[in-house]
């Protein structure tokens, strides 16, 4: 008999299989169930320490560092998640763009 995956399992598998981002929003997981069920699954995963809630509706996988213990989320990943949900456009400054391609 095939075992049904819980929404919690589907969320964790999706995050581990994804290489696109380190920060996720609730909307990223709505394909796994209705919004209240997904919200409850995210709350359970956060309480269990498998996910870290950054702010309402924004999560990441907690990363451990040998000296610093738990690290902070990547600032640009959080900004990207917030902007993606809002539908706003993100425009880099010239200084940031030069730094990201290594010309500074």
Protein backbone atom coordinates (compact mmCIF):
# COMPACT_ATOMS: atom_id res chain seq x y z
CA UNK A 1 0.00 0.00 0.00
CA UNK A 2 1.34 3.43 -0.97
CA UNK A 3 1.91 5.83 1.93
CA UNK A 4 0.37 9.27 1.46
CA UNK A 5 2.75 12.16 2.07
CA UNK A 6 1.71 14.80 4.55
CA UNK A 7 1.83 18.45 3.58
CA UNK A 8 4.76 18.80 6.01
CA UNK A 9 6.72 16.12 4.11
CA UNK A 10 5.90 17.69 0.76
CA UNK A 11 7.09 21.11 1.93
CA UNK A 12 10.40 19.78 3.26
CA UNK A 13 11.01 17.67 0.14
CA UNK A 14 10.23 20.66 -2.06
CA UNK A 15 12.68 22.90 -0.18
CA UNK A 16 15.45 20.30 -0.25
CA UNK A 17 14.93 19.70 -3.98
CA UNK A 18 14.88 23.41 -4.77
CA UNK A 19 18.12 25.18 -5.51
CA UNK A 20 16.60 28.49 -6.55
CA UNK A 21 16.26 30.24 -3.22
CA UNK A 22 17.00 29.99 0.44
CA UNK A 23 13.87 31.91 1.43
CA UNK A 24 10.28 30.83 0.79
CA UNK A 25 6.81 32.25 1.19
CA UNK A 26 3.54 30.55 1.98
CA UNK A 27 2.50 30.98 -1.66
CA UNK A 28 5.38 28.71 -2.72
CA UNK A 29 3.62 25.77 -1.06
CA UNK A 30 -0.06 26.33 -1.88
CA UNK A 31 0.12 23.57 -4.52
CA UNK A 32 0.28 21.08 -1.62
CA UNK A 33 -3.05 21.98 -0.06
CA UNK A 34 -5.54 24.61 0.95
CA UNK A 35 -4.12 27.80 2.53
CA UNK A 36 -5.18 26.96 6.12
CA UNK A 37 -3.65 23.47 5.90
CA UNK A 38 -0.41 24.81 4.42
CA UNK A 39 -0.26 27.49 7.13
CA UNK A 40 -0.70 24.86 9.84
CA UNK A 41 2.01 22.67 8.28
CA UNK A 42 4.41 25.62 8.16
CA UNK A 43 3.63 26.42 11.81
CA UNK A 44 4.33 22.79 12.79
CA UNK A 45 7.62 22.77 10.88
CA UNK A 46 8.62 26.06 12.51
CA UNK A 47 7.80 24.79 16.01
CA UNK A 48 9.81 21.62 15.29
CA UNK A 49 12.81 23.73 14.22
CA UNK A 50 12.84 22.41 10.66
CA UNK A 51 11.97 25.86 9.30
CA UNK A 52 12.59 29.34 10.65
CA UNK A 53 9.91 31.98 10.44
CA UNK A 54 11.52 35.25 9.34
CA UNK A 55 8.28 37.22 9.34
CA UNK A 56 4.66 36.37 8.70
CA UNK A 57 4.53 34.17 5.60
CA UNK A 58 8.31 34.13 5.00
CA UNK A 59 10.46 31.12 5.96
CA UNK A 60 13.90 29.65 5.47
CA UNK A 61 15.87 26.59 6.48
CA UNK A 62 17.89 27.40 9.59
CA UNK A 63 21.60 27.13 8.80
CA UNK A 64 24.11 26.16 11.48
CA UNK A 65 27.64 27.55 11.66
CA UNK A 66 30.32 25.86 13.75
CA UNK A 67 31.31 29.09 15.54
CA UNK A 68 28.27 31.33 15.27
CA UNK A 69 25.55 28.70 15.90
CA UNK A 70 22.47 29.69 13.86
CA UNK A 71 23.13 32.16 11.04
CA UNK A 72 20.86 34.96 9.87
CA UNK A 73 18.93 34.64 6.63
CA UNK A 74 20.50 36.14 3.51
CA UNK A 75 19.14 39.72 3.31
CA UNK A 76 18.71 39.74 -0.48
CA UNK A 77 16.91 36.38 -0.39
CA UNK A 78 14.39 37.84 2.09
CA UNK A 79 13.93 40.95 -0.04
CA UNK A 80 13.47 38.81 -3.14
CA UNK A 81 10.79 36.71 -1.41
CA UNK A 82 8.91 39.80 -0.23
CA UNK A 83 9.03 41.48 -3.63
CA UNK A 84 8.02 38.28 -5.45
CA UNK A 85 4.86 38.10 -3.33
CA UNK A 86 4.03 41.79 -3.77
CA UNK A 87 4.39 41.83 -7.55
CA UNK A 88 6.70 44.84 -7.30
CA UNK A 89 9.72 45.23 -9.56
CA UNK A 90 13.21 45.09 -8.14
CA UNK A 91 15.88 47.28 -9.67
CA UNK A 92 19.51 47.06 -8.59
CA UNK A 93 21.61 50.15 -8.12
CA UNK A 94 24.62 50.55 -10.41
CA UNK A 95 27.00 50.04 -7.47
CA UNK A 96 25.37 46.75 -6.48
CA UNK A 97 25.30 45.56 -10.09
CA UNK A 98 29.03 46.32 -10.53
CA UNK A 99 29.84 44.56 -7.27
CA UNK A 100 27.81 41.46 -8.20
CA UNK A 101 29.71 41.04 -11.49
CA UNK A 102 33.07 41.75 -9.84
CA UNK A 103 34.06 45.06 -11.42
CA UNK A 104 34.44 46.93 -8.13
